[in-house]
PDB file of N, CA and C in Angstrom:
ATOM      1  N   MET A   1     153.146  41.296  89.556  1.00  0.00           N
ATOM      2  CA  MET A   1     154.121  41.419  90.598  1.00  0.00           C
ATOM      3  C   MET A   1     154.971  40.164  90.741  1.00  0.00           C
ATOM      4  N   VAL A   2     154.333  39.014  90.608  1.00  0.00           N
ATOM      5  CA  VAL A   2     155.079  37.768  90.772  1.00  0.00           C
ATOM      6  C   VAL A   2     156.201  37.667  89.754  1.00  0.00           C
ATOM      7  N   PHE A   3     155.924  38.037  88.513  1.00  0.00           N
ATOM      8  CA  PHE A   3     156.957  37.913  87.493  1.00  0.00           C
ATOM      9  C   PHE A   3     157.989  39.026  87.599  1.00  0.00           C
ATOM     10  N   ASP A   4     157.647  40.108  88.251  1.00  0.00           N
ATOM     11  CA  ASP A   4     158.620  41.185  88.447  1.00  0.00           C
ATOM     12  C   ASP A   4     159.627  40.848  89.538  1.00  0.00           C
ATOM     13  N   THR A   5     159.207  40.142  90.560  1.00  0.00           N
ATOM     14  CA  THR A   5     160.096  39.918  91.702  1.00  0.00           C
ATOM     15  C   THR A   5     160.278  38.453  92.061  1.00  0.00           C
ATOM     16  N   GLY A   6     159.202  37.750  92.340  1.00  0.00           N
ATOM     17  CA  GLY A   6     159.309  36.381  92.852  1.00  0.00           C
ATOM     18  C   GLY A   6     160.022  35.415  91.934  1.00  0.00           C
ATOM     19  N   VAL A   7     159.650  35.402  90.681  1.00  0.00           N
ATOM     20  CA  VAL A   7     160.273  34.480  89.732  1.00  0.00           C
ATOM     21  C   VAL A   7     161.737  34.849  89.514  1.00  0.00           C
ATOM     22  N   GLN A   8     162.008  36.142  89.379  1.00  0.00           N
ATOM     23  CA  GLN A   8     163.394  36.577  89.180  1.00  0.00           C
ATOM     24  C   GLN A   8     164.246  36.265  90.404  1.00  0.00           C
ATOM     25  N   LEU A   9     163.697  36.447  91.585  1.00  0.00           N
ATOM     26  CA  LEU A   9     164.430  36.142  92.807  1.00  0.00           C
ATOM     27  C   LEU A   9     164.733  34.650  92.893  1.00  0.00           C
ATOM     28  N   GLY A  10     163.741  33.820  92.575  1.00  0.00           N
ATOM     29  CA  GLY A  10     163.962  32.376  92.569  1.00  0.00           C
ATOM     30  C   GLY A  10     165.039  31.958  91.593  1.00  0.00           C
ATOM     31  N   ALA A  11     165.032  32.575  90.411  1.00  0.00           N
ATOM     32  CA  ALA A  11     166.059  32.272  89.410  1.00  0.00           C
ATOM     33  C   ALA A  11     167.430  32.726  89.894  1.00  0.00           C
ATOM     34  N   TRP A  12     167.512  33.930  90.437  1.00  0.00           N
ATOM     35  CA  TRP A  12     168.779  34.479  90.930  1.00  0.00           C
ATOM     36  C   TRP A  12     169.350  33.628  92.058  1.00  0.00           C
ATOM     37  N   MET A  13     168.465  33.084  92.908  1.00  0.00           N
ATOM     38  CA  MET A  13     168.915  32.258  94.029  1.00  0.00           C
ATOM     39  C   MET A  13     169.252  30.833  93.601  1.00  0.00           C
ATOM     40  N   GLY A  14     168.976  30.487  92.343  1.00  0.00           N
ATOM     41  CA  GLY A  14     169.299  29.165  91.838  1.00  0.00           C
ATOM     42  C   GLY A  14     168.274  28.099  92.194  1.00  0.00           C
ATOM     43  N   CYS A  15     167.074  28.504  92.567  1.00  0.00           N
ATOM     44  CA  CYS A  15     166.042  27.543  92.954  1.00  0.00           C
ATOM     45  C   CYS A  15     165.600  26.697  91.760  1.00  0.00           C
ATOM     46  N   ASP A  16     165.396  25.429  92.016  1.00  0.00           N
ATOM     47  CA  ASP A  16     164.878  24.512  91.003  1.00  0.00           C
ATOM     48  C   ASP A  16     164.187  23.353  91.705  1.00  0.00           C
ATOM     49  N   PRO A  17     162.893  23.298  91.561  1.00  0.00           N
ATOM     50  CA  PRO A  17     162.031  24.180  90.790  1.00  0.00           C
ATOM     51  C   PRO A  17     161.619  25.412  91.589  1.00  0.00           C
ATOM     52  N   VAL A  18     160.978  26.345  90.877  1.00  0.00           N
ATOM     53  CA  VAL A  18     160.286  27.459  91.514  1.00  0.00           C
ATOM     54  C   VAL A  18     158.801  27.165  91.345  1.00  0.00           C
ATOM     55  N   TYR A  19     158.083  27.165  92.462  1.00  0.00           N
ATOM     56  CA  TYR A  19     156.644  26.879  92.452  1.00  0.00           C
ATOM     57  C   TYR A  19     155.858  28.182  92.558  1.00  0.00           C
ATOM     58  N   LEU A  20     154.823  28.284  91.755  1.00  0.00           N
ATOM     59  CA  LEU A  20     153.901  29.416  91.827  1.00  0.00           C
ATOM     60  C   LEU A  20     152.563  28.884  92.324  1.00  0.00           C
ATOM     61  N   LEU A  21     152.035  29.512  93.336  1.00  0.00           N
ATOM     62  CA  LEU A  21     150.780  29.060  93.935  1.00  0.00           C
ATOM     63  C   LEU A  21     149.770  30.194  93.941  1.00  0.00           C
ATOM     64  N   GLY A  22     148.642  29.971  93.263  1.00  0.00           N
ATOM     65  CA  GLY A  22     147.579  30.960  93.259  1.00  0.00           C
ATOM     66  C   GLY A  22     147.992  32.287  92.668  1.00  0.00           C
ATOM     67  N   THR A  23     148.799  32.243  91.642  1.00  0.00           N
ATOM     68  CA  THR A  23     149.348  33.486  91.109  1.00  0.00           C
ATOM     69  C   THR A  23     148.577  33.998  89.911  1.00  0.00           C
ATOM     70  N   GLU A  24     148.391  35.260  89.922  1.00  0.00           N
ATOM     71  CA  GLU A  24     147.929  36.055  88.799  1.00  0.00           C
ATOM     72  C   GLU A  24     146.578  35.672  88.208  1.00  0.00           C
ATOM     73  N   THR A  25     146.460  34.537  87.534  1.00  0.00           N
ATOM     74  CA  THR A  25     145.231  34.289  86.797  1.00  0.00           C
ATOM     75  C   THR A  25     144.741  32.861  86.947  1.00  0.00           C
ATOM     76  N   THR A  26     143.428  32.733  86.921  1.00  0.00           N
ATOM     77  CA  THR A  26     142.772  31.435  86.849  1.00  0.00           C
ATOM     78  C   THR A  26     141.631  31.591  85.851  1.00  0.00           C
ATOM     79  N   VAL A  27     140.932  30.518  85.549  1.00  0.00           N
ATOM     80  CA  VAL A  27     139.789  30.628  84.651  1.00  0.00           C
ATOM     81  C   VAL A  27     138.683  31.463  85.279  1.00  0.00           C
ATOM     82  N   TYR A  28     138.761  31.702  86.579  1.00  0.00           N
ATOM     83  CA  TYR A  28     137.759  32.511  87.284  1.00  0.00           C
ATOM     84  C   TYR A  28     138.183  33.969  87.432  1.00  0.00           C
ATOM     85  N   GLY A  29     139.330  34.347  86.919  1.00  0.00           N
ATOM     86  CA  GLY A  29     139.841  35.708  87.053  1.00  0.00           C
ATOM     87  C   GLY A  29     141.103  35.705  87.880  1.00  0.00           C
ATOM     88  N   HIS A  30     141.335  36.792  88.587  1.00  0.00           N
ATOM     89  CA  HIS A  30     142.521  36.880  89.447  1.00  0.00           C
ATOM     90  C   HIS A  30     142.442  35.821  90.546  1.00  0.00           C
ATOM     91  N   ALA A  31     143.534  35.144  90.789  1.00  0.00           N
ATOM     92  CA  ALA A  31     143.568  34.112  91.817  1.00  0.00           C
ATOM     93  C   ALA A  31     143.328  34.697  93.196  1.00  0.00           C
ATOM     94  N   TYR A  32     143.643  35.958  93.376  1.00  0.00           N
ATOM     95  CA  TYR A  32     143.526  36.588  94.681  1.00  0.00           C
ATOM     96  C   TYR A  32     142.281  37.470  94.807  1.00  0.00           C
ATOM     97  N   ALA A  33     141.377  37.400  93.838  1.00  0.00           N
ATOM     98  CA  ALA A  33     140.175  38.233  93.878  1.00  0.00           C
ATOM     99  C   ALA A  33     139.230  37.764  94.980  1.00  0.00           C
ATOM    100  N   ASP A  34     138.540  38.716  95.593  1.00  0.00           N
ATOM    101  CA  ASP A  34     137.564  38.394  96.633  1.00  0.00           C
ATOM    102  C   ASP A  34     136.282  37.817  96.059  1.00  0.00           C
ATOM    103  N   GLU A  35     136.011  38.115  94.814  1.00  0.00           N
ATOM    104  CA  GLU A  35     134.809  37.621  94.178  1.00  0.00           C
ATOM    105  C   GLU A  35     135.102  37.314  92.713  1.00  0.00           C
ATOM    106  N   TYR A  36     134.161  36.639  92.063  1.00  0.00           N
ATOM    107  CA  TYR A  36     134.340  36.254  90.667  1.00  0.00           C
ATOM    108  C   TYR A  36     134.645  37.472  89.808  1.00  0.00           C
ATOM    109  N   GLU A  37     135.658  37.364  88.997  1.00  0.00           N
ATOM    110  CA  GLU A  37     136.043  38.433  88.073  1.00  0.00           C
ATOM    111  C   GLU A  37     136.383  37.795  86.742  1.00  0.00           C
ATOM    112  N   PRO A  38     135.529  37.956  85.740  1.00  0.00           N
ATOM    113  CA  PRO A  38     135.769  37.317  84.444  1.00  0.00           C
ATOM    114  C   PRO A  38     137.095  37.743  83.830  1.00  0.00           C
ATOM    115  N   PRO A  39     137.871  36.792  83.345  1.00  0.00           N
ATOM    116  CA  PRO A  39     139.138  37.150  82.700  1.00  0.00           C
ATOM    117  C   PRO A  39     138.956  38.125  81.549  1.00  0.00           C
ATOM    118  N   ALA A  40     137.827  38.044  80.863  1.00  0.00           N
ATOM    119  CA  ALA A  40     137.594  38.936  79.722  1.00  0.00           C
ATOM    120  C   ALA A  40     137.567  40.394  80.159  1.00  0.00           C
ATOM    121  N   ARG A  41     137.285  40.647  81.419  1.00  0.00           N
ATOM    122  CA  ARG A  41     137.221  42.016  81.935  1.00  0.00           C
ATOM    123  C   ARG A  41     138.607  42.654  82.001  1.00  0.00           C
ATOM    124  N   ASP A  42     139.604  41.838  81.962  1.00  0.00           N
ATOM    125  CA  ASP A  42     140.961  42.346  82.101  1.00  0.00           C
ATOM    126  C   ASP A  42     141.873  41.723  81.040  1.00  0.00           C
ATOM    127  N   ASN A  43     141.414  41.743  79.794  1.00  0.00           N
ATOM    128  CA  ASN A  43     142.132  41.053  78.717  1.00  0.00           C
ATOM    129  C   ASN A  43     143.557  41.542  78.517  1.00  0.00           C
ATOM    130  N   GLU A  44     143.774  42.839  78.604  1.00  0.00           N
ATOM    131  CA  GLU A  44     145.122  43.361  78.376  1.00  0.00           C
ATOM    132  C   GLU A  44     146.080  42.845  79.451  1.00  0.00           C
ATOM    133  N   ARG A  45     145.663  42.918  80.701  1.00  0.00           N
ATOM    134  CA  ARG A  45     146.498  42.430  81.794  1.00  0.00           C
ATOM    135  C   ARG A  45     146.727  40.930  81.668  1.00  0.00           C
ATOM    136  N   GLN A  46     145.677  40.208  81.349  1.00  0.00           N
ATOM    137  CA  GLN A  46     145.786  38.757  81.179  1.00  0.00           C
ATOM    138  C   GLN A  46     146.824  38.425  80.113  1.00  0.00           C
ATOM    139  N   GLY A  47     146.771  39.144  79.003  1.00  0.00           N
ATOM    140  CA  GLY A  47     147.721  38.888  77.926  1.00  0.00           C
ATOM    141  C   GLY A  47     149.155  39.149  78.349  1.00  0.00           C
ATOM    142  N   LYS A  48     149.369  40.209  79.120  1.00  0.00           N
ATOM    143  CA  LYS A  48     150.712  40.525  79.598  1.00  0.00           C
ATOM    144  C   LYS A  48     151.224  39.466  80.566  1.00  0.00           C
ATOM    145  N   VAL A  49     150.349  38.996  81.440  1.00  0.00           N
ATOM    146  CA  VAL A  49     150.754  37.960  82.404  1.00  0.00           C
ATOM    147  C   VAL A  49     151.084  36.667  81.670  1.00  0.00           C
ATOM    148  N   GLN A  50     150.271  36.289  80.687  1.00  0.00           N
ATOM    149  CA  GLN A  50     150.525  35.076  79.912  1.00  0.00           C
ATOM    150  C   GLN A  50     151.854  35.187  79.163  1.00  0.00           C
ATOM    151  N   ALA A  51     152.107  36.350  78.564  1.00  0.00           N
ATOM    152  CA  ALA A  51     153.361  36.551  77.835  1.00  0.00           C
ATOM    153  C   ALA A  51     154.558  36.497  78.778  1.00  0.00           C
ATOM    154  N   ALA A  52     154.433  37.110  79.956  1.00  0.00           N
ATOM    155  CA  ALA A  52     155.530  37.084  80.933  1.00  0.00           C
ATOM    156  C   ALA A  52     155.800  35.653  81.399  1.00  0.00           C
ATOM    157  N   ALA A  53     154.751  34.882  81.609  1.00  0.00           N
ATOM    158  CA  ALA A  53     154.916  33.492  82.046  1.00  0.00           C
ATOM    159  C   ALA A  53     155.621  32.667  80.978  1.00  0.00           C
ATOM    160  N   LYS A  54     155.279  32.910  79.729  1.00  0.00           N
ATOM    161  CA  LYS A  54     155.909  32.176  78.628  1.00  0.00           C
ATOM    162  C   LYS A  54     157.404  32.482  78.551  1.00  0.00           C
ATOM    163  N   VAL A  55     157.765  33.759  78.660  1.00  0.00           N
ATOM    164  CA  VAL A  55     159.178  34.146  78.625  1.00  0.00           C
ATOM    165  C   VAL A  55     159.910  33.569  79.831  1.00  0.00           C
ATOM    166  N   ALA A  56     159.294  33.652  81.010  1.00  0.00           N
ATOM    167  CA  ALA A  56     159.918  33.115  82.222  1.00  0.00           C
ATOM    168  C   ALA A  56     160.162  31.614  82.080  1.00  0.00           C
ATOM    169  N   ARG A  57     159.162  30.904  81.570  1.00  0.00           N
ATOM    170  CA  ARG A  57     159.314  29.453  81.358  1.00  0.00           C
ATOM    171  C   ARG A  57     160.469  29.165  80.412  1.00  0.00           C
ATOM    172  N   GLN A  58     160.551  29.895  79.300  1.00  0.00           N
ATOM    173  CA  GLN A  58     161.614  29.671  78.326  1.00  0.00           C
ATOM    174  C   GLN A  58     162.984  29.922  78.938  1.00  0.00           C
ATOM    175  N   GLU A  59     163.103  30.964  79.734  1.00  0.00           N
ATOM    176  CA  GLU A  59     164.393  31.268  80.373  1.00  0.00           C
ATOM    177  C   GLU A  59     164.763  30.210  81.405  1.00  0.00           C
ATOM    178  N   PHE A  60     163.797  29.762  82.189  1.00  0.00           N
ATOM    179  CA  PHE A  60     164.077  28.703  83.155  1.00  0.00           C
ATOM    180  C   PHE A  60     164.532  27.444  82.429  1.00  0.00           C
ATOM    181  N   GLU A  61     163.822  27.074  81.360  1.00  0.00           N
ATOM    182  CA  GLU A  61     164.183  25.878  80.604  1.00  0.00           C
ATOM    183  C   GLU A  61     165.561  26.025  79.963  1.00  0.00           C
ATOM    184  N   ARG A  62     165.881  27.216  79.489  1.00  0.00           N
ATOM    185  CA  ARG A  62     167.188  27.460  78.873  1.00  0.00           C
ATOM    186  C   ARG A  62     168.320  27.211  79.865  1.00  0.00           C
ATOM    187  N   HIS A  63     168.041  27.408  81.134  1.00  0.00           N
ATOM    188  CA  HIS A  63     169.031  27.195  82.190  1.00  0.00           C
ATOM    189  C   HIS A  63     168.840  25.861  82.907  1.00  0.00           C
ATOM    190  N   GLY A  64     168.018  24.985  82.312  1.00  0.00           N
ATOM    191  CA  GLY A  64     167.826  23.655  82.875  1.00  0.00           C
ATOM    192  C   GLY A  64     167.030  23.635  84.175  1.00  0.00           C
ATOM    193  N   ARG A  65     166.187  24.621  84.371  1.00  0.00           N
ATOM    194  CA  ARG A  65     165.375  24.703  85.590  1.00  0.00           C
ATOM    195  C   ARG A  65     163.898  24.619  85.245  1.00  0.00           C
ATOM    196  N   ARG A  66     163.081  24.438  86.301  1.00  0.00           N
ATOM    197  CA  ARG A  66     161.640  24.308  86.101  1.00  0.00           C
ATOM    198  C   ARG A  66     160.881  25.397  86.859  1.00  0.00           C
ATOM    199  N   LEU A  67     159.840  25.892  86.211  1.00  0.00           N
ATOM    200  CA  LEU A  67     158.913  26.857  86.789  1.00  0.00           C
ATOM    201  C   LEU A  67     157.550  26.174  86.761  1.00  0.00           C
ATOM    202  N   ILE A  68     156.989  25.908  87.939  1.00  0.00           N
ATOM    203  CA  ILE A  68     155.804  25.053  88.034  1.00  0.00           C
ATOM    204  C   ILE A  68     154.637  25.809  88.672  1.00  0.00           C
ATOM    205  N   ASP A  69     153.480  25.727  88.024  1.00  0.00           N
ATOM    206  CA  ASP A  69     152.250  26.358  88.494  1.00  0.00           C
ATOM    207  C   ASP A  69     151.489  25.372  89.370  1.00  0.00           C
ATOM    208  N   LEU A  70     151.268  25.739  90.637  1.00  0.00           N
ATOM    209  CA  LEU A  70     150.507  24.893  91.561  1.00  0.00           C
ATOM    210  C   LEU A  70     149.087  25.413  91.759  1.00  0.00           C
ATOM    211  N   SER A  71     148.603  26.237  90.839  1.00  0.00           N
ATOM    212  CA  SER A  71     147.272  26.839  90.982  1.00  0.00           C
ATOM    213  C   SER A  71     146.145  25.850  90.775  1.00  0.00           C
ATOM    214  N   GLY A  72     146.454  24.634  90.439  1.00  0.00           N
ATOM    215  CA  GLY A  72     145.417  23.634  90.236  1.00  0.00           C
ATOM    216  C   GLY A  72     144.831  23.691  88.843  1.00  0.00           C
ATOM    217  N   PRO A  73     143.709  23.007  88.651  1.00  0.00           N
ATOM    218  CA  PRO A  73     143.133  22.892  87.304  1.00  0.00           C
ATOM    219  C   PRO A  73     142.591  24.205  86.756  1.00  0.00           C
ATOM    220  N   THR A  74     142.413  25.211  87.606  1.00  0.00           N
ATOM    221  CA  THR A  74     141.898  26.486  87.110  1.00  0.00           C
ATOM    222  C   THR A  74     143.003  27.444  86.677  1.00  0.00           C
ATOM    223  N   GLY A  75     144.253  27.097  86.933  1.00  0.00           N
ATOM    224  CA  GLY A  75     145.368  27.965  86.542  1.00  0.00           C
ATOM    225  C   GLY A  75     145.491  28.065  85.036  1.00  0.00           C
ATOM    226  N   THR A  76     145.779  29.254  84.549  1.00  0.00           N
ATOM    227  CA  THR A  76     145.836  29.463  83.097  1.00  0.00           C
ATOM    228  C   THR A  76     147.235  29.778  82.590  1.00  0.00           C
ATOM    229  N   LEU A  77     148.222  29.817  83.466  1.00  0.00           N
ATOM    230  CA  LEU A  77     149.569  30.155  83.022  1.00  0.00           C
ATOM    231  C   LEU A  77     150.149  29.042  82.155  1.00  0.00           C
ATOM    232  N   PRO A  78     150.883  29.393  81.094  1.00  0.00           N
ATOM    233  CA  PRO A  78     151.463  28.388  80.195  1.00  0.00           C
ATOM    234  C   PRO A  78     152.746  27.791  80.789  1.00  0.00           C
ATOM    235  N   LEU A  79     152.576  27.120  81.935  1.00  0.00           N
ATOM    236  CA  LEU A  79     153.705  26.535  82.657  1.00  0.00           C
ATOM    237  C   LEU A  79     153.426  25.074  82.942  1.00  0.00           C
ATOM    238  N   LEU A  80     154.468  24.370  83.362  1.00  0.00           N
ATOM    239  CA  LEU A  80     154.260  23.020  83.862  1.00  0.00           C
ATOM    240  C   LEU A  80     153.281  23.079  85.018  1.00  0.00           C
ATOM    241  N   LYS A  81     152.431  22.089  85.163  1.00  0.00           N
ATOM    242  CA  LYS A  81     151.468  22.039  86.255  1.00  0.00           C
ATOM    243  C   LYS A  81     151.947  21.054  87.309  1.00  0.00           C
ATOM    244  N   GLY A  82     151.719  21.403  88.562  1.00  0.00           N
ATOM    245  CA  GLY A  82     152.106  20.541  89.666  1.00  0.00           C
ATOM    246  C   GLY A  82     150.948  20.336  90.615  1.00  0.00           C
ATOM    247  N   ASP A  83     151.095  19.389  91.522  1.00  0.00           N
ATOM    248  CA  ASP A  83     150.078  19.067  92.512  1.00  0.00           C
ATOM    249  C   ASP A  83     150.524  19.607  93.868  1.00  0.00           C
ATOM    250  N   PHE A  84     149.791  20.567  94.393  1.00  0.00           N
ATOM    251  CA  PHE A  84     150.151  21.216  95.654  1.00  0.00           C
ATOM    252  C   PHE A  84     150.326  20.205  96.785  1.00  0.00           C
ATOM    253  N   LEU A  85     149.388  19.267  96.916  1.00  0.00           N
ATOM    254  CA  LEU A  85     149.464  18.302  98.021  1.00  0.00           C
ATOM    255  C   LEU A  85     150.682  17.395  97.921  1.00  0.00           C
ATOM    256  N   LYS A  86     151.086  17.047  96.723  1.00  0.00           N
ATOM    257  CA  LYS A  86     152.299  16.243  96.558  1.00  0.00           C
ATOM    258  C   LYS A  86     153.548  17.040  96.932  1.00  0.00           C
ATOM    259  N   VAL A  87     153.538  18.327  96.616  1.00  0.00           N
ATOM    260  CA  VAL A  87     154.700  19.179  96.904  1.00  0.00           C
ATOM    261  C   VAL A  87     154.872  19.382  98.412  1.00  0.00           C
ATOM    262  N   VAL A  88     153.764  19.595  99.118  1.00  0.00           N
ATOM    263  CA  VAL A  88     153.858  19.870 100.554  1.00  0.00           C
ATOM    264  C   VAL A  88     153.739  18.606 101.398  1.00  0.00           C
ATOM    265  N   GLY A  89     153.688  17.462 100.767  1.00  0.00           N
ATOM    266  CA  GLY A  89     153.656  16.203 101.500  1.00  0.00           C
ATOM    267  C   GLY A  89     152.303  15.808 102.026  1.00  0.00           C
ATOM    268  N   GLY A  90     151.232  16.262 101.369  1.00  0.00           N
ATOM    269  CA  GLY A  90     149.888  15.843 101.740  1.00  0.00           C
ATOM    270  C   GLY A  90     149.405  16.394 103.070  1.00  0.00           C
ATOM    271  N   LEU A  91     149.832  17.602 103.414  1.00  0.00           N
ATOM    272  CA  LEU A  91     149.408  18.210 104.681  1.00  0.00           C
ATOM    273  C   LEU A  91     147.927  18.186 104.834  1.00  0.00           C
TER     274      LEU A  91
END
């Protein structure tokens, strides 16, 4: 869902950077799962999300913009990594 709407909306609005927080996948499974869900259980979906992230990153870079994953060290998206606390000012 994030790559269908959120990333495209950020690009259309001219945002730079666009930050992704807790999106789609982590090494523990879905970032929004209520309980542990092995990524291997959803390999097809994982592959599609990874491919979408790669294309989104390439398009952002082609337009001189950044797409940054704030999911922390468990995030698996092939994007630039950022520090959530630095972005929000250490709340």
